[in-house]
Amino acid sequence: MIVPGNTLGILGGGQLARMMAMAAAQLGLRTHIFAPEPNSPAFDVSAAHTISAYEDEAALARFAASVEVVTYEFENVPSATASLLASLKPLSPNARALAVSQDRLAEKTFIARLGIPTAPFAAVASEAELSEAVERIGRPAVLKTRRLGYDGKGQVMIGRETDLSASFQAVAGAPCILEGFVPFEREVSVVAARTPTGEFAAYDLCANTHRDHILDLTQVPAGVSEATEGRALAIARAMADALDYVGVLAVELFLVEGGNLVVNEIAPRVHNSGHWTLGGAATSQFEQHVRAVCGWPLGSPRRLGRVEMRNLIGEEAGSWERILAEPGAQLHLYGKAEARPGRKMGHVTRVFPETT
C-alpha cells in the first residue's frame, strides 16, 4: 500500500510532471523525476531526479528501486521503458493504455470496436495506399503520422486540390493514418480519473479553443445540453473501463450538428484542458491523478464556479506582473528558462460566479 512518506516516480520532467510533483507534496509524498533533459522544470520541485535516456536500463532499474509506484506525464514513453518499469514496480496508467494512445491507428481501432463514433479512418503506409484511402474516405481529410504528433505537428490537410504525393513526402513517408474531416461546431473534452478498484470521477465537460493548433482557452461549463454532457462522460468511462485504466485521462471530442459527439483522441495523462481544475475545482486533476495511481480515494471533481483557463504561450508569459495585479486571476508559471514561440510557458485561471 502506498502511504504518505513514500515516493512517486514520474517519467518526464515538464510542466505536467512539475504540477503532479507539487500535488504529491501536498499529500505528504516525495517524488523522483526521471528525464533526459538536464534543465527539466519538474526538477525544481521534486525530492530527487535522474538525468538519463529512457533507454538506459541500468538507470531505470535504480530509479525503480527508489520509488513505490511509477507514472508518466506524456504518452510517448518508449514501450521497452514501460515494460521494464512495469516488471519492477506498479506502472499506472498501464502499458496497454500507453500502447493504444501512442499509435493513432491502434487508438481509432480501439475506439471504433467499443462502438464509439470516430472520424472515418484508414491506414496509410505508401503513396498508393494514400490514394486509395482518399478515394474511399473523400476530401477534405487529414493525413497524420501514427506516432509522435501533437499540437498540430505531423499533420497535413488534404483539400480538393492537394497533391497527394507531396503530402506523403511532407510526413517523410512515415506510417500514417488518414482521417476524414469532421465538420464540428466545437471542440470539447472530458477529464476523468479511475482507481484500481474501478472508482470513477469525471470533471464537467469543457469547451476548448485552439490557436495555431495549440490550446488557447478552456471554458467550463461547455454550454451543451445535459444529455450531450452525459454522453461525453459515459464515453470516457467506457474507455477507461475497457483499458482497466488507473489515473487521470482526457478524451478529446468534436461536437457536431445535432449535439452528437465524435471522439478525436485519448490522452493517458493529466491534460492541458484540465488545467482549469487547479483552482477551479475542489480537487485538481494533478491531485486526482496522484490519488488514483496510489490507490487512494478520489477527491471531489466539483466545479467552484464558471471557469476560464488561458494558456500563456511564448512571450505572453511576460505579462506575469499585470496578471498578478488582476483580482482573482490565478497565475501558474512553469519555470522554463526560454520563452520560444509556440512554447507553453504557463497558464492563468479565472473563476467567476455561476450565471443563471
Protein backbone atom coordinates (compact mmCIF):
# COMPACT_ATOMS: atom_id res chain seq x y z
CA MET A 1 0.00 0.00 0.00
CA ILE A 2 1.24 3.48 -0.85
CA VAL A 3 1.30 5.77 2.18
CA PRO A 4 2.42 9.36 2.86
CA GLY A 5 6.19 9.43 3.01
CA ASN A 6 6.55 7.03 0.07
CA THR A 7 7.99 8.15 -3.28
CA LEU A 8 6.13 8.53 -6.56
CA GLY A 9 8.28 8.09 -9.65
CA ILE A 10 7.42 10.25 -12.66
CA LEU A 11 8.73 9.79 -16.19
CA GLY A 12 9.15 13.16 -17.87
CA GLY A 13 10.20 16.46 -16.37
CA GLY A 14 7.96 19.06 -18.00
CA GLN A 15 5.19 21.21 -16.61
CA LEU A 16 2.76 18.32 -16.13
CA ALA A 17 5.29 16.44 -14.00
CA ARG A 18 6.03 19.66 -12.14
CA MET A 19 2.38 20.17 -11.19
CA MET A 20 1.99 16.48 -10.28
CA ALA A 21 5.03 16.73 -8.00
CA MET A 22 3.58 19.79 -6.29
CA ALA A 23 0.26 17.99 -5.74
CA ALA A 24 2.07 14.93 -4.39
CA ALA A 25 3.98 17.06 -1.90
CA GLN A 26 0.71 18.43 -0.52
CA LEU A 27 -0.32 14.83 0.19
CA GLY A 28 2.92 14.04 2.02
CA LEU A 29 4.53 12.14 -0.86
CA ARG A 30 8.03 12.55 -2.24
CA THR A 31 8.67 12.48 -5.99
CA HIS A 32 11.56 11.25 -8.11
CA ILE A 33 11.64 12.61 -11.67
CA PHE A 34 13.30 10.66 -14.49
CA ALA A 35 14.01 12.73 -17.62
CA PRO A 36 16.80 13.12 -20.18
CA GLU A 37 16.74 16.94 -20.24
CA PRO A 38 19.12 18.50 -17.69
CA ASN A 39 17.02 21.66 -17.23
CA SER A 40 13.64 19.96 -16.72
CA PRO A 41 11.17 22.27 -14.87
CA ALA A 42 9.94 19.47 -12.60
CA PHE A 43 13.40 19.07 -11.05
CA ASP A 44 12.87 22.32 -9.15
CA VAL A 45 10.02 20.88 -7.07
CA SER A 46 10.96 17.21 -6.67
CA ALA A 47 12.87 15.48 -3.89
CA ALA A 48 15.09 13.62 -6.36
CA HIS A 49 15.76 13.42 -10.05
CA THR A 50 17.65 11.30 -12.55
CA ILE A 51 19.01 12.70 -15.80
CA SER A 52 19.30 9.83 -18.25
CA ALA A 53 17.96 8.46 -21.51
CA TYR A 54 14.73 6.48 -21.39
CA GLU A 55 16.67 3.57 -22.94
CA ASP A 56 19.21 3.40 -20.08
CA GLU A 57 18.14 0.16 -18.39
CA ALA A 58 20.59 0.44 -15.51
CA ALA A 59 19.40 3.95 -14.68
CA LEU A 60 15.77 2.84 -14.96
CA ALA A 61 16.39 -0.03 -12.54
CA ARG A 62 17.98 2.33 -10.00
CA PHE A 63 15.05 4.72 -10.44
CA ALA A 64 12.52 1.91 -9.89
CA ALA A 65 14.32 0.76 -6.74
CA SER A 66 13.90 4.24 -5.23
CA VAL A 67 10.11 4.55 -5.71
CA GLU A 68 6.92 2.69 -4.77
CA VAL A 69 4.86 3.42 -7.91
CA VAL A 70 5.61 4.89 -11.35
CA THR A 71 3.57 7.16 -13.59
CA TYR A 72 4.32 9.40 -16.57
CA GLU A 73 3.50 12.86 -17.87
CA PHE A 74 3.42 12.10 -21.60
CA GLU A 75 2.33 9.24 -23.83
CA ASN A 76 5.49 8.87 -25.91
CA VAL A 77 7.36 6.85 -23.31
CA PRO A 78 9.19 4.08 -25.22
CA SER A 79 7.35 0.76 -24.93
CA ALA A 80 10.53 -1.01 -23.77
CA THR A 81 10.88 1.55 -20.96
CA ALA A 82 7.29 0.98 -19.86
CA SER A 83 7.70 -2.81 -19.97
CA LEU A 84 10.89 -2.76 -17.90
CA LEU A 85 9.45 -0.47 -15.24
CA ALA A 86 6.18 -2.43 -15.09
CA SER A 87 8.20 -5.56 -14.31
CA LEU A 88 9.81 -3.82 -11.36
CA LYS A 89 7.12 -1.57 -9.83
CA PRO A 90 3.43 -0.80 -10.40
CA LEU A 91 3.06 1.37 -13.52
CA SER A 92 -0.05 3.49 -13.89
CA PRO A 93 -1.60 4.05 -16.35
CA ASN A 94 -0.82 0.56 -17.61
CA ALA A 95 1.22 -0.43 -20.65
CA ARG A 96 -1.88 -1.21 -22.74
CA ALA A 97 -3.27 2.31 -22.30
CA LEU A 98 0.12 3.64 -23.33
CA ALA A 99 0.29 1.43 -26.43
CA VAL A 100 -3.23 2.33 -27.56
CA SER A 101 -2.66 6.07 -27.21
CA GLN A 102 0.80 6.06 -28.82
CA ASP A 103 -0.47 4.86 -32.20
CA ARG A 104 -3.33 6.74 -33.82
CA LEU A 105 -4.39 3.69 -35.82
CA ALA A 106 -4.49 1.48 -32.72
CA GLU A 107 -6.36 4.24 -30.89
CA LYS A 108 -9.02 4.71 -33.57
CA THR A 109 -9.45 0.94 -33.91
CA PHE A 110 -9.89 0.57 -30.14
CA ILE A 111 -12.50 3.35 -30.02
CA ALA A 112 -14.42 2.01 -33.02
CA ARG A 113 -14.55 -1.51 -31.54
CA LEU A 114 -16.29 -0.05 -28.50
CA GLY A 115 -19.00 1.27 -30.80
CA ILE A 116 -18.00 4.89 -30.12
CA PRO A 117 -18.15 7.28 -33.11
CA THR A 118 -14.86 8.42 -34.69
CA ALA A 119 -13.96 10.05 -37.97
CA PRO A 120 -13.68 7.55 -40.84
CA PHE A 121 -10.07 6.36 -40.99
CA ALA A 122 -7.63 4.20 -42.93
CA ALA A 123 -4.04 3.07 -42.52
CA VAL A 124 -1.57 4.65 -44.94
CA ALA A 125 1.96 3.29 -45.50
CA SER A 126 2.59 4.33 -49.11
CA GLU A 127 1.52 6.84 -51.74
CA ALA A 128 -0.64 4.15 -53.34
CA GLU A 129 -2.43 3.49 -50.04
CA LEU A 130 -2.92 7.23 -49.56
CA SER A 131 -4.57 7.48 -52.97
CA GLU A 132 -6.82 4.52 -52.20
CA ALA A 133 -7.74 5.93 -48.77
CA VAL A 134 -8.62 9.34 -50.20
CA GLU A 135 -10.76 7.68 -52.85
CA ARG A 136 -12.64 5.80 -50.13
CA ILE A 137 -12.88 8.49 -47.43
CA GLY A 138 -13.06 11.56 -49.65
CA ARG A 139 -11.84 15.13 -49.28
CA PRO A 140 -11.28 17.10 -47.13
CA ALA A 141 -9.28 14.76 -44.93
CA VAL A 142 -6.28 14.90 -42.62
CA LEU A 143 -3.13 12.82 -43.05
CA LYS A 144 -1.48 12.22 -39.66
CA THR A 145 1.62 10.33 -38.62
CA ARG A 146 0.61 7.38 -36.47
CA ARG A 147 3.12 8.31 -33.78
CA LEU A 148 4.68 11.35 -32.09
CA GLY A 149 2.34 14.07 -33.34
CA TYR A 150 0.98 16.78 -31.03
CA ASP A 151 -0.20 20.41 -31.21
CA GLY A 152 -0.77 20.04 -34.96
CA LYS A 153 2.66 18.55 -35.70
CA GLY A 154 2.87 15.60 -38.10
CA GLN A 155 -0.37 16.52 -39.87
CA VAL A 156 -1.23 17.56 -43.44
CA MET A 157 -4.63 18.75 -44.62
CA ILE A 158 -5.85 17.07 -47.82
CA GLY A 159 -8.04 19.53 -49.69
CA ARG A 160 -9.75 19.44 -53.06
CA GLU A 161 -6.59 20.34 -55.00
CA THR A 162 -3.92 18.91 -52.68
CA ASP A 163 -1.14 16.93 -54.36
CA LEU A 164 -1.13 13.55 -52.63
CA SER A 165 2.48 12.73 -53.46
CA ALA A 166 3.67 15.99 -51.92
CA SER A 167 1.50 15.35 -48.84
CA PHE A 168 3.04 11.93 -48.28
CA GLN A 169 6.52 13.38 -48.71
CA ALA A 170 5.66 16.11 -46.18
CA VAL A 171 5.36 13.45 -43.47
CA ALA A 172 8.61 11.87 -44.67
CA GLY A 173 6.86 8.68 -45.69
CA ALA A 174 6.17 7.73 -42.07
CA PRO A 175 3.40 5.24 -41.28
CA CYS A 176 0.24 7.32 -41.22
CA ILE A 177 -3.49 7.33 -40.78
CA LEU A 178 -5.91 9.22 -43.00
CA GLU A 179 -8.92 10.61 -41.15
CA GLY A 180 -12.00 12.11 -42.73
CA PHE A 181 -12.51 15.76 -41.80
CA VAL A 182 -15.22 16.23 -39.16
CA PRO A 183 -17.28 19.43 -39.62
CA PHE A 184 -17.52 20.22 -35.93
CA GLU A 185 -19.24 23.06 -34.11
CA ARG A 186 -16.98 22.96 -31.08
CA GLU A 187 -14.10 21.04 -29.57
CA VAL A 188 -14.80 19.65 -26.09
CA SER A 189 -13.02 17.34 -23.68
CA VAL A 190 -13.65 15.14 -20.68
CA VAL A 191 -11.02 14.88 -17.95
CA ALA A 192 -11.70 11.97 -15.63
CA ALA A 193 -9.98 9.62 -13.18
CA ARG A 194 -10.26 5.93 -12.35
CA THR A 195 -8.72 3.93 -9.49
CA PRO A 196 -7.53 0.28 -9.38
CA THR A 197 -10.88 -0.70 -7.83
CA GLY A 198 -12.87 0.96 -10.63
CA GLU A 199 -13.90 4.11 -8.74
CA PHE A 200 -14.55 6.76 -11.39
CA ALA A 201 -14.93 10.53 -11.21
CA ALA A 202 -15.24 12.97 -14.11
CA TYR A 203 -14.97 16.73 -14.19
CA ASP A 204 -17.54 18.80 -16.04
CA LEU A 205 -17.22 18.81 -19.81
CA CYS A 206 -15.13 21.74 -21.03
CA ALA A 207 -15.04 23.65 -24.31
CA ASN A 208 -11.66 24.28 -25.94
CA THR A 209 -10.50 26.94 -28.39
CA HIS A 210 -7.22 26.45 -30.27
CA ARG A 211 -4.90 29.00 -31.86
CA ASP A 212 -2.25 27.81 -34.34
CA HIS A 213 -3.09 24.20 -33.34
CA ILE A 214 -2.28 24.93 -29.66
CA LEU A 215 -4.90 25.11 -26.92
CA ASP A 216 -5.58 28.77 -26.19
CA LEU A 217 -8.70 28.86 -23.99
CA THR A 218 -10.70 26.34 -21.97
CA GLN A 219 -14.15 27.27 -20.67
CA VAL A 220 -16.29 25.37 -18.18
CA PRO A 221 -19.19 24.68 -18.36
CA ALA A 222 -19.08 23.81 -22.04
CA GLY A 223 -22.54 25.16 -22.82
CA VAL A 224 -24.01 21.90 -24.09
CA SER A 225 -27.19 20.08 -23.13
CA GLU A 226 -27.29 17.82 -20.11
CA ALA A 227 -27.86 14.85 -22.41
CA THR A 228 -24.81 15.66 -24.55
CA GLU A 229 -22.62 16.09 -21.49
CA GLY A 230 -23.90 12.80 -20.09
CA ARG A 231 -22.96 11.01 -23.32
CA ALA A 232 -19.46 12.51 -23.23
CA LEU A 233 -18.86 11.35 -19.67
CA ALA A 234 -20.25 7.89 -20.49
CA ILE A 235 -17.81 7.62 -23.42
CA ALA A 236 -14.89 8.46 -21.12
CA ARG A 237 -15.99 5.87 -18.58
CA ALA A 238 -16.45 3.16 -21.22
CA MET A 239 -12.91 3.69 -22.50
CA ALA A 240 -11.39 3.84 -19.01
CA ASP A 241 -13.12 0.60 -18.02
CA ALA A 242 -12.13 -1.15 -21.27
CA LEU A 243 -8.48 -0.26 -20.65
CA ASP A 244 -8.63 -1.10 -16.93
CA TYR A 245 -7.25 2.39 -16.65
CA VAL A 246 -5.71 3.86 -13.48
CA GLY A 247 -5.03 7.59 -13.26
CA VAL A 248 -6.35 10.69 -14.99
CA LEU A 249 -7.18 10.53 -18.67
CA ALA A 250 -8.56 13.04 -21.14
CA VAL A 251 -10.86 12.33 -24.05
CA GLU A 252 -10.97 14.96 -26.78
CA LEU A 253 -14.20 15.09 -28.77
CA PHE A 254 -15.82 17.01 -31.60
CA LEU A 255 -19.34 18.32 -31.03
CA VAL A 256 -21.14 18.06 -34.35
CA GLU A 257 -24.58 19.02 -35.61
CA GLY A 258 -27.48 17.78 -33.51
CA GLY A 259 -25.44 17.54 -30.32
CA ASN A 260 -23.68 14.38 -31.48
CA LEU A 261 -20.14 13.57 -30.38
CA VAL A 262 -17.17 12.15 -32.30
CA VAL A 263 -14.02 11.13 -30.41
CA ASN A 264 -10.83 12.72 -31.69
CA GLU A 265 -8.20 11.21 -29.39
CA ILE A 266 -7.31 9.93 -25.92
CA ALA A 267 -4.54 11.31 -23.71
CA PRO A 268 -3.45 8.84 -20.99
CA ARG A 269 -2.33 11.52 -18.56
CA VAL A 270 -3.21 14.82 -16.97
CA HIS A 271 -4.14 17.20 -19.77
CA ASN A 272 -3.84 20.84 -20.75
CA SER A 273 -7.63 21.16 -20.96
CA GLY A 274 -7.80 20.07 -17.31
CA HIS A 275 -5.57 22.83 -16.02
CA TRP A 276 -8.68 24.79 -15.05
CA THR A 277 -9.18 22.33 -12.20
CA LEU A 278 -6.12 23.80 -10.45
CA GLY A 279 -8.03 26.46 -8.54
CA GLY A 280 -11.30 25.88 -10.39
CA ALA A 281 -12.37 22.55 -8.85
CA ALA A 282 -12.49 21.09 -5.36
CA THR A 283 -9.71 18.67 -6.35
CA SER A 284 -7.22 19.46 -9.13
CA GLN A 285 -6.55 16.93 -11.88
CA PHE A 286 -2.98 16.66 -10.57
CA GLU A 287 -4.04 15.70 -7.06
CA GLN A 288 -6.66 13.39 -8.56
CA HIS A 289 -4.02 11.61 -10.61
CA VAL A 290 -1.75 11.15 -7.60
CA ARG A 291 -4.67 9.79 -5.58
CA ALA A 292 -5.62 7.35 -8.35
CA VAL A 293 -2.16 5.92 -9.06
CA CYS A 294 -1.57 5.48 -5.32
CA GLY A 295 -4.86 3.62 -4.95
CA TRP A 296 -6.33 6.28 -2.67
CA PRO A 297 -9.96 7.52 -2.67
CA LEU A 298 -10.67 10.10 -5.35
CA GLY A 299 -11.40 13.69 -4.44
CA SER A 300 -14.50 15.63 -5.41
CA PRO A 301 -14.47 16.91 -9.02
CA ARG A 302 -16.96 19.66 -8.10
CA ARG A 303 -16.52 22.87 -10.07
CA LEU A 304 -16.14 26.03 -7.97
CA GLY A 305 -17.81 28.41 -10.41
CA ARG A 306 -17.72 29.35 -14.06
CA VAL A 307 -14.08 28.86 -15.04
CA GLU A 308 -11.79 30.04 -17.82
CA MET A 309 -8.21 28.86 -18.30
CA ARG A 310 -5.94 30.56 -20.81
CA ASN A 311 -2.52 29.28 -21.83
CA LEU A 312 0.42 31.64 -21.82
CA ILE A 313 2.36 30.86 -24.99
CA GLY A 314 5.86 32.16 -25.67
CA GLU A 315 6.28 35.82 -24.78
CA GLU A 316 2.76 36.01 -23.33
CA ALA A 317 4.27 34.85 -20.04
CA GLY A 318 6.00 38.23 -19.89
CA SER A 319 2.67 39.72 -18.78
CA TRP A 320 3.02 38.00 -15.38
CA GLU A 321 3.07 41.29 -13.44
CA ARG A 322 -0.17 42.52 -15.00
CA ILE A 323 -1.85 39.18 -14.31
CA LEU A 324 -0.73 39.21 -10.68
CA ALA A 325 -2.31 42.64 -10.28
CA GLU A 326 -5.68 41.35 -11.56
CA PRO A 327 -8.03 40.45 -8.69
CA GLY A 328 -8.97 36.78 -8.82
CA ALA A 329 -6.53 35.75 -11.54
CA GLN A 330 -4.55 32.63 -10.61
CA LEU A 331 -1.14 32.58 -12.32
CA HIS A 332 0.86 29.39 -12.84
CA LEU A 333 4.31 29.68 -14.45
CA TYR A 334 6.24 26.55 -15.37
CA GLY A 335 9.80 27.64 -14.65
CA LYS A 336 11.02 27.28 -18.22
CA ALA A 337 14.15 29.23 -19.00
CA GLU A 338 13.40 30.24 -22.59
CA ALA A 339 10.13 31.64 -23.98
CA ARG A 340 10.15 30.25 -27.52
CA PRO A 341 7.28 30.83 -29.97
CA GLY A 342 4.63 28.13 -29.54
CA ARG A 343 6.03 27.00 -26.19
CA LYS A 344 3.64 26.67 -23.23
CA MET A 345 5.15 28.83 -20.51
CA GLY A 346 2.28 28.91 -18.05
CA HIS A 347 -1.45 29.46 -17.69
CA VAL A 348 -3.88 31.71 -15.89
CA THR A 349 -7.19 30.56 -14.40
CA ARG A 350 -10.13 32.83 -13.63
CA VAL A 351 -13.14 31.66 -11.61
CA PHE A 352 -16.39 33.62 -11.88
CA PRO A 353 -19.72 33.27 -10.04
CA GLU A 354 -22.19 30.97 -11.75
CA THR A 355 -24.64 32.75 -14.05
CA THR A 356 -28.30 31.85 -14.07
